[in-house]
Amino acid sequence: MKYQDLVVKKTWEGQEKPKWLTVGTIRTTDDGKQFIELNLFPDTSIYVFDRKPREGQVQNQAPQQAPSVNLDNQEEIPF
């Protein structure tokens, strides 16, 4: 079994180096199955599956990305 940490990078004003906070773990079994355990949800395993292509989508094609919105300008928010 292989274990990998899930971390987030935090920086605070006046701090020279970023702080890395562990938020969970990825477990990979010997047969390749993966599970995510988040510290936010103790005693809960999140199963990881390969994404199935949508109808009409070519295999291994990335899904379309949502348009970016500048939240600093209230006039650009689409709702």
PDB file of N, CA and C in Angstrom:
ATOM      1  N   MET A   1       0.844  -1.168   0.000  1.00  0.00           N
ATOM      2  CA  MET A   1       0.000   0.000   0.000  1.00  0.00           C
ATOM      3  C   MET A   1       0.899   1.244   0.000  1.00  0.00           C
ATOM      4  N   LYS A   2       0.513   2.211  -0.798  1.00  0.00           N
ATOM      5  CA  LYS A   2       1.262   3.468  -0.902  1.00  0.00           C
ATOM      6  C   LYS A   2       0.405   4.591  -0.316  1.00  0.00           C
ATOM      7  N   TYR A   3       1.006   5.463   0.463  1.00  0.00           N
ATOM      8  CA  TYR A   3       0.317   6.597   1.066  1.00  0.00           C
ATOM      9  C   TYR A   3       0.921   7.900   0.552  1.00  0.00           C
ATOM     10  N   GLN A   4       0.068   8.860   0.202  1.00  0.00           N
ATOM     11  CA  GLN A   4       0.516  10.184  -0.213  1.00  0.00           C
ATOM     12  C   GLN A   4      -0.281  11.222   0.557  1.00  0.00           C
ATOM     13  N   ASP A   5       0.385  12.302   0.975  1.00  0.00           N
ATOM     14  CA  ASP A   5      -0.294  13.384   1.701  1.00  0.00           C
ATOM     15  C   ASP A   5      -0.970  14.338   0.736  1.00  0.00           C
ATOM     16  N   LEU A   6      -2.153  14.817   1.103  1.00  0.00           N
ATOM     17  CA  LEU A   6      -2.831  15.902   0.398  1.00  0.00           C
ATOM     18  C   LEU A   6      -2.571  17.155   1.226  1.00  0.00           C
ATOM     19  N   VAL A   7      -1.973  18.169   0.620  1.00  0.00           N
ATOM     20  CA  VAL A   7      -1.596  19.362   1.368  1.00  0.00           C
ATOM     21  C   VAL A   7      -2.078  20.626   0.659  1.00  0.00           C
ATOM     22  N   VAL A   8      -2.234  21.700   1.439  1.00  0.00           N
ATOM     23  CA  VAL A   8      -2.533  23.021   0.883  1.00  0.00           C
ATOM     24  C   VAL A   8      -1.416  23.962   1.308  1.00  0.00           C
ATOM     25  N   LYS A   9      -1.149  24.930   0.455  1.00  0.00           N
ATOM     26  CA  LYS A   9      -0.078  25.903   0.705  1.00  0.00           C
ATOM     27  C   LYS A   9      -0.706  27.174   1.269  1.00  0.00           C
ATOM     28  N   LYS A  10      -0.248  27.604   2.433  1.00  0.00           N
ATOM     29  CA  LYS A  10      -0.744  28.818   3.069  1.00  0.00           C
ATOM     30  C   LYS A  10       0.420  29.769   3.323  1.00  0.00           C
ATOM     31  N   THR A  11       0.192  31.030   3.048  1.00  0.00           N
ATOM     32  CA  THR A  11       1.186  32.053   3.372  1.00  0.00           C
ATOM     33  C   THR A  11       0.491  33.166   4.132  1.00  0.00           C
ATOM     34  N   TRP A  12       1.192  33.733   5.088  1.00  0.00           N
ATOM     35  CA  TRP A  12       0.669  34.832   5.872  1.00  0.00           C
ATOM     36  C   TRP A  12       1.592  36.023   5.728  1.00  0.00           C
ATOM     37  N   GLU A  13       1.046  37.195   5.851  1.00  0.00           N
ATOM     38  CA  GLU A  13       1.830  38.424   5.721  1.00  0.00           C
ATOM     39  C   GLU A  13       2.945  38.432   6.765  1.00  0.00           C
ATOM     40  N   GLY A  14       4.136  38.770   6.339  1.00  0.00           N
ATOM     41  CA  GLY A  14       5.283  38.811   7.235  1.00  0.00           C
ATOM     42  C   GLY A  14       5.969  37.462   7.406  1.00  0.00           C
ATOM     43  N   GLN A  15       5.464  36.437   6.781  1.00  0.00           N
ATOM     44  CA  GLN A  15       6.052  35.104   6.868  1.00  0.00           C
ATOM     45  C   GLN A  15       6.936  34.878   5.650  1.00  0.00           C
ATOM     46  N   GLU A  16       8.162  34.439   5.880  1.00  0.00           N
ATOM     47  CA  GLU A  16       9.094  34.241   4.773  1.00  0.00           C
ATOM     48  C   GLU A  16       8.753  33.015   3.926  1.00  0.00           C
ATOM     49  N   LYS A  17       8.473  31.907   4.560  1.00  0.00           N
ATOM     50  CA  LYS A  17       8.215  30.653   3.848  1.00  0.00           C
ATOM     51  C   LYS A  17       6.739  30.292   3.953  1.00  0.00           C
ATOM     52  N   PRO A  18       6.227  29.590   2.931  1.00  0.00           N
ATOM     53  CA  PRO A  18       4.842  29.121   3.034  1.00  0.00           C
ATOM     54  C   PRO A  18       4.733  27.981   4.040  1.00  0.00           C
ATOM     55  N   LYS A  19       3.559  27.808   4.581  1.00  0.00           N
ATOM     56  CA  LYS A  19       3.272  26.709   5.503  1.00  0.00           C
ATOM     57  C   LYS A  19       2.445  25.686   4.745  1.00  0.00           C
ATOM     58  N   TRP A  20       2.836  24.426   4.809  1.00  0.00           N
ATOM     59  CA  TRP A  20       2.117  23.351   4.132  1.00  0.00           C
ATOM     60  C   TRP A  20       1.274  22.623   5.167  1.00  0.00           C
ATOM     61  N   LEU A  21      -0.056  22.647   4.981  1.00  0.00           N
ATOM     62  CA  LEU A  21      -0.971  22.012   5.915  1.00  0.00           C
ATOM     63  C   LEU A  21      -1.518  20.725   5.295  1.00  0.00           C
ATOM     64  N   THR A  22      -1.406  19.627   6.019  1.00  0.00           N
ATOM     65  CA  THR A  22      -1.911  18.348   5.537  1.00  0.00           C
ATOM     66  C   THR A  22      -3.419  18.307   5.742  1.00  0.00           C
ATOM     67  N   VAL A  23      -4.162  18.088   4.650  1.00  0.00           N
ATOM     68  CA  VAL A  23      -5.621  18.058   4.727  1.00  0.00           C
ATOM     69  C   VAL A  23      -6.177  16.649   4.507  1.00  0.00           C
ATOM     70  N   GLY A  24      -5.316  15.701   4.175  1.00  0.00           N
ATOM     71  CA  GLY A  24      -5.789  14.338   3.973  1.00  0.00           C
ATOM     72  C   GLY A  24      -4.707  13.434   3.424  1.00  0.00           C
ATOM     73  N   THR A  25      -5.129  12.258   2.976  1.00  0.00           N
ATOM     74  CA  THR A  25      -4.217  11.229   2.488  1.00  0.00           C
ATOM     75  C   THR A  25      -4.831  10.526   1.290  1.00  0.00           C
ATOM     76  N   ILE A  26      -3.988  10.146   0.327  1.00  0.00           N
ATOM     77  CA  ILE A  26      -4.395   9.254  -0.757  1.00  0.00           C
ATOM     78  C   ILE A  26      -3.749   7.904  -0.481  1.00  0.00           C
ATOM     79  N   ARG A  27      -4.582   6.861  -0.486  1.00  0.00           N
ATOM     80  CA  ARG A  27      -4.062   5.497  -0.332  1.00  0.00           C
ATOM     81  C   ARG A  27      -4.207   4.782  -1.667  1.00  0.00           C
ATOM     82  N   THR A  28      -3.137   4.151  -2.115  1.00  0.00           N
ATOM     83  CA  THR A  28      -3.172   3.339  -3.328  1.00  0.00           C
ATOM     84  C   THR A  28      -2.846   1.911  -2.938  1.00  0.00           C
ATOM     85  N   THR A  29      -3.778   0.994  -3.229  1.00  0.00           N
ATOM     86  CA  THR A  29      -3.561  -0.404  -2.877  1.00  0.00           C
ATOM     87  C   THR A  29      -2.599  -1.048  -3.868  1.00  0.00           C
ATOM     88  N   ASP A  30      -2.149  -2.245  -3.535  1.00  0.00           N
ATOM     89  CA  ASP A  30      -1.217  -2.956  -4.411  1.00  0.00           C
ATOM     90  C   ASP A  30      -1.825  -3.274  -5.775  1.00  0.00           C
ATOM     91  N   ASP A  31      -3.162  -3.371  -5.860  1.00  0.00           N
ATOM     92  CA  ASP A  31      -3.803  -3.639  -7.149  1.00  0.00           C
ATOM     93  C   ASP A  31      -4.229  -2.358  -7.862  1.00  0.00           C
ATOM     94  N   GLY A  32      -3.786  -1.178  -7.366  1.00  0.00           N
ATOM     95  CA  GLY A  32      -3.991   0.090  -8.065  1.00  0.00           C
ATOM     96  C   GLY A  32      -5.241   0.864  -7.686  1.00  0.00           C
ATOM     97  N   LYS A  33      -6.074   0.352  -6.792  1.00  0.00           N
ATOM     98  CA  LYS A  33      -7.266   1.092  -6.366  1.00  0.00           C
ATOM     99  C   LYS A  33      -6.847   2.248  -5.469  1.00  0.00           C
ATOM    100  N   GLN A  34      -7.547   3.388  -5.624  1.00  0.00           N
ATOM    101  CA  GLN A  34      -7.182   4.569  -4.846  1.00  0.00           C
ATOM    102  C   GLN A  34      -8.343   5.019  -3.961  1.00  0.00           C
ATOM    103  N   PHE A  35      -7.998   5.515  -2.782  1.00  0.00           N
ATOM    104  CA  PHE A  35      -8.939   6.049  -1.824  1.00  0.00           C
ATOM    105  C   PHE A  35      -8.389   7.361  -1.290  1.00  0.00           C
ATOM    106  N   ILE A  36      -9.261   8.326  -1.089  1.00  0.00           N
ATOM    107  CA  ILE A  36      -8.858   9.603  -0.490  1.00  0.00           C
ATOM    108  C   ILE A  36      -9.503   9.690   0.882  1.00  0.00           C
ATOM    109  N   GLU A  37      -8.736  10.075   1.872  1.00  0.00           N
ATOM    110  CA  GLU A  37      -9.253  10.313   3.213  1.00  0.00           C
ATOM    111  C   GLU A  37      -8.967  11.767   3.546  1.00  0.00           C
ATOM    112  N   LEU A  38     -10.022  12.547   3.754  1.00  0.00           N
ATOM    113  CA  LEU A  38      -9.875  13.958   4.090  1.00  0.00           C
ATOM    114  C   LEU A  38     -10.037  14.142   5.596  1.00  0.00           C
ATOM    115  N   ASN A  39      -9.176  14.959   6.190  1.00  0.00           N
ATOM    116  CA  ASN A  39      -9.256  15.207   7.623  1.00  0.00           C
ATOM    117  C   ASN A  39     -10.591  15.854   8.006  1.00  0.00           C
ATOM    118  N   LEU A  40     -11.206  16.559   7.065  1.00  0.00           N
ATOM    119  CA  LEU A  40     -12.492  17.203   7.297  1.00  0.00           C
ATOM    120  C   LEU A  40     -13.604  16.172   7.522  1.00  0.00           C
ATOM    121  N   PHE A  41     -13.460  14.972   6.927  1.00  0.00           N
ATOM    122  CA  PHE A  41     -14.445  13.904   7.044  1.00  0.00           C
ATOM    123  C   PHE A  41     -13.774  12.661   7.626  1.00  0.00           C
ATOM    124  N   PRO A  42     -13.541  12.612   8.944  1.00  0.00           N
ATOM    125  CA  PRO A  42     -12.863  11.452   9.533  1.00  0.00           C
ATOM    126  C   PRO A  42     -13.694  10.181   9.355  1.00  0.00           C
ATOM    127  N   ASP A  43     -13.010   9.065   9.280  1.00  0.00           N
ATOM    128  CA  ASP A  43     -13.629   7.749   9.127  1.00  0.00           C
ATOM    129  C   ASP A  43     -14.466   7.631   7.860  1.00  0.00           C
ATOM    130  N   THR A  44     -14.108   8.390   6.814  1.00  0.00           N
ATOM    131  CA  THR A  44     -14.810   8.334   5.536  1.00  0.00           C
ATOM    132  C   THR A  44     -13.784   8.160   4.431  1.00  0.00           C
ATOM    133  N   SER A  45     -13.938   7.116   3.615  1.00  0.00           N
ATOM    134  CA  SER A  45     -13.063   6.915   2.465  1.00  0.00           C
ATOM    135  C   SER A  45     -13.789   7.378   1.217  1.00  0.00           C
ATOM    136  N   ILE A  46     -13.110   8.174   0.402  1.00  0.00           N
ATOM    137  CA  ILE A  46     -13.648   8.648  -0.872  1.00  0.00           C
ATOM    138  C   ILE A  46     -12.967   7.815  -1.946  1.00  0.00           C
ATOM    139  N   TYR A  47     -13.769   7.139  -2.755  1.00  0.00           N
ATOM    140  CA  TYR A  47     -13.225   6.251  -3.777  1.00  0.00           C
ATOM    141  C   TYR A  47     -12.891   7.059  -5.028  1.00  0.00           C
ATOM    142  N   VAL A  48     -11.815   6.697  -5.712  1.00  0.00           N
ATOM    143  CA  VAL A  48     -11.355   7.397  -6.909  1.00  0.00           C
ATOM    144  C   VAL A  48     -11.539   6.480  -8.111  1.00  0.00           C
ATOM    145  N   PHE A  49     -12.256   6.970  -9.132  1.00  0.00           N
ATOM    146  CA  PHE A  49     -12.475   6.219 -10.358  1.00  0.00           C
ATOM    147  C   PHE A  49     -12.030   7.064 -11.542  1.00  0.00           C
ATOM    148  N   ASP A  50     -11.603   6.393 -12.624  1.00  0.00           N
ATOM    149  CA  ASP A  50     -11.302   7.103 -13.858  1.00  0.00           C
ATOM    150  C   ASP A  50     -12.592   7.700 -14.389  1.00  0.00           C
ATOM    151  N   ARG A  51     -12.497   8.884 -14.958  1.00  0.00           N
ATOM    152  CA  ARG A  51     -13.665   9.561 -15.506  1.00  0.00           C
ATOM    153  C   ARG A  51     -14.131   8.840 -16.756  1.00  0.00           C
ATOM    154  N   LYS A  52     -15.431   8.587 -16.830  1.00  0.00           N
ATOM    155  CA  LYS A  52     -16.006   7.963 -18.020  1.00  0.00           C
ATOM    156  C   LYS A  52     -16.328   9.064 -19.015  1.00  0.00           C
ATOM    157  N   PRO A  53     -16.050   8.834 -20.300  1.00  0.00           N
ATOM    158  CA  PRO A  53     -16.331   9.880 -21.291  1.00  0.00           C
ATOM    159  C   PRO A  53     -17.831  10.105 -21.428  1.00  0.00           C
ATOM    160  N   ARG A  54     -18.192  11.357 -21.616  1.00  0.00           N
ATOM    161  CA  ARG A  54     -19.588  11.699 -21.868  1.00  0.00           C
ATOM    162  C   ARG A  54     -19.936  11.313 -23.292  1.00  0.00           C
ATOM    163  N   GLU A  55     -21.211  11.221 -23.566  1.00  0.00           N
ATOM    164  CA  GLU A  55     -21.663  10.883 -24.902  1.00  0.00           C
ATOM    165  C   GLU A  55     -21.144  11.916 -25.894  1.00  0.00           C
ATOM    166  N   GLY A  56     -20.484  11.463 -26.952  1.00  0.00           N
ATOM    167  CA  GLY A  56     -19.948  12.362 -27.967  1.00  0.00           C
ATOM    168  C   GLY A  56     -18.559  12.886 -27.647  1.00  0.00           C
ATOM    169  N   GLN A  57     -18.017  12.573 -26.476  1.00  0.00           N
ATOM    170  CA  GLN A  57     -16.684  13.046 -26.102  1.00  0.00           C
ATOM    171  C   GLN A  57     -15.657  11.981 -26.469  1.00  0.00           C
ATOM    172  N   VAL A  58     -14.560  12.410 -27.066  1.00  0.00           N
ATOM    173  CA  VAL A  58     -13.486  11.505 -27.462  1.00  0.00           C
ATOM    174  C   VAL A  58     -12.750  11.042 -26.211  1.00  0.00           C
ATOM    175  N   GLN A  59     -12.367   9.762 -26.180  1.00  0.00           N
ATOM    176  CA  GLN A  59     -11.619   9.203 -25.053  1.00  0.00           C
ATOM    177  C   GLN A  59     -10.362  10.029 -24.782  1.00  0.00           C
ATOM    178  N   ASN A  60     -10.052  10.293 -23.525  1.00  0.00           N
ATOM    179  CA  ASN A  60      -8.885  11.053 -23.064  1.00  0.00           C
ATOM    180  C   ASN A  60      -8.931  12.526 -23.461  1.00  0.00           C
ATOM    181  N   GLN A  61     -10.056  13.005 -23.937  1.00  0.00           N
ATOM    182  CA  GLN A  61     -10.192  14.430 -24.254  1.00  0.00           C
ATOM    183  C   GLN A  61     -10.606  15.155 -22.975  1.00  0.00           C
ATOM    184  N   ALA A  62      -9.956  16.249 -22.676  1.00  0.00           N
ATOM    185  CA  ALA A  62     -10.281  17.017 -21.479  1.00  0.00           C
ATOM    186  C   ALA A  62     -11.653  17.657 -21.637  1.00  0.00           C
ATOM    187  N   PRO A  63     -12.441  17.676 -20.553  1.00  0.00           N
ATOM    188  CA  PRO A  63     -13.741  18.333 -20.652  1.00  0.00           C
ATOM    189  C   PRO A  63     -13.568  19.828 -20.844  1.00  0.00           C
ATOM    190  N   GLN A  64     -14.587  20.475 -21.412  1.00  0.00           N
ATOM    191  CA  GLN A  64     -14.499  21.912 -21.629  1.00  0.00           C
ATOM    192  C   GLN A  64     -14.437  22.634 -20.297  1.00  0.00           C
ATOM    193  N   GLN A  65     -13.619  23.650 -20.253  1.00  0.00           N
ATOM    194  CA  GLN A  65     -13.437  24.418 -19.030  1.00  0.00           C
ATOM    195  C   GLN A  65     -14.471  25.533 -18.964  1.00  0.00           C
ATOM    196  N   ALA A  66     -14.970  25.772 -17.760  1.00  0.00           N
ATOM    197  CA  ALA A  66     -15.941  26.856 -17.566  1.00  0.00           C
ATOM    198  C   ALA A  66     -15.258  28.198 -17.825  1.00  0.00           C
ATOM    199  N   PRO A  67     -15.990  29.186 -18.331  1.00  0.00           N
ATOM    200  CA  PRO A  67     -15.379  30.488 -18.573  1.00  0.00           C
ATOM    201  C   PRO A  67     -14.958  31.134 -17.261  1.00  0.00           C
ATOM    202  N   SER A  68     -13.850  31.872 -17.308  1.00  0.00           N
ATOM    203  CA  SER A  68     -13.378  32.540 -16.103  1.00  0.00           C
ATOM    204  C   SER A  68     -14.174  33.816 -15.878  1.00  0.00           C
ATOM    205  N   VAL A  69     -14.363  34.150 -14.616  1.00  0.00           N
ATOM    206  CA  VAL A  69     -15.131  35.332 -14.239  1.00  0.00           C
ATOM    207  C   VAL A  69     -14.288  36.137 -13.263  1.00  0.00           C
ATOM    208  N   ASN A  70     -14.184  37.430 -13.499  1.00  0.00           N
ATOM    209  CA  ASN A  70     -13.467  38.324 -12.599  1.00  0.00           C
ATOM    210  C   ASN A  70     -14.430  38.746 -11.499  1.00  0.00           C
ATOM    211  N   LEU A  71     -14.236  38.230 -10.286  1.00  0.00           N
ATOM    212  CA  LEU A  71     -15.144  38.526  -9.190  1.00  0.00           C
ATOM    213  C   LEU A  71     -14.904  39.908  -8.575  1.00  0.00           C
ATOM    214  N   ASP A  72     -13.823  40.568  -8.977  1.00  0.00           N
ATOM    215  CA  ASP A  72     -13.571  41.919  -8.488  1.00  0.00           C
ATOM    216  C   ASP A  72     -14.498  42.939  -9.132  1.00  0.00           C
ATOM    217  N   ASN A  73     -14.970  42.634 -10.328  1.00  0.00           N
ATOM    218  CA  ASN A  73     -15.856  43.527 -11.060  1.00  0.00           C
ATOM    219  C   ASN A  73     -17.275  42.952 -10.981  1.00  0.00           C
ATOM    220  N   GLN A  74     -18.143  43.539 -10.166  1.00  0.00           N
ATOM    221  CA  GLN A  74     -19.483  43.031  -9.937  1.00  0.00           C
ATOM    222  C   GLN A  74     -20.321  43.003 -11.220  1.00  0.00           C
ATOM    223  N   GLU A  75     -20.008  43.847 -12.184  1.00  0.00           N
ATOM    224  CA  GLU A  75     -20.782  43.894 -13.421  1.00  0.00           C
ATOM    225  C   GLU A  75     -20.547  42.653 -14.288  1.00  0.00           C
ATOM    226  N   GLU A  76     -19.418  41.935 -14.095  1.00  0.00           N
ATOM    227  CA  GLU A  76     -19.106  40.763 -14.906  1.00  0.00           C
ATOM    228  C   GLU A  76     -19.695  39.477 -14.363  1.00  0.00           C
ATOM    229  N   ILE A  77     -20.235  39.497 -13.145  1.00  0.00           N
ATOM    230  CA  ILE A  77     -20.768  38.278 -12.554  1.00  0.00           C
ATOM    231  C   ILE A  77     -22.041  37.912 -13.309  1.00  0.00           C
ATOM    232  N   PRO A  78     -22.113  36.670 -13.847  1.00  0.00           N
ATOM    233  CA  PRO A  78     -23.199  36.296 -14.755  1.00  0.00           C
ATOM    234  C   PRO A  78     -24.517  35.930 -14.096  1.00  0.00           C
ATOM    235  N   PHE A  79     -24.764  36.315 -12.856  1.00  0.00           N
ATOM    236  CA  PHE A  79     -26.061  36.004 -12.235  1.00  0.00           C
ATOM    237  C   PHE A  79     -26.577  37.167 -11.465  1.00  0.00           C
TER     238      PHE A  79
END
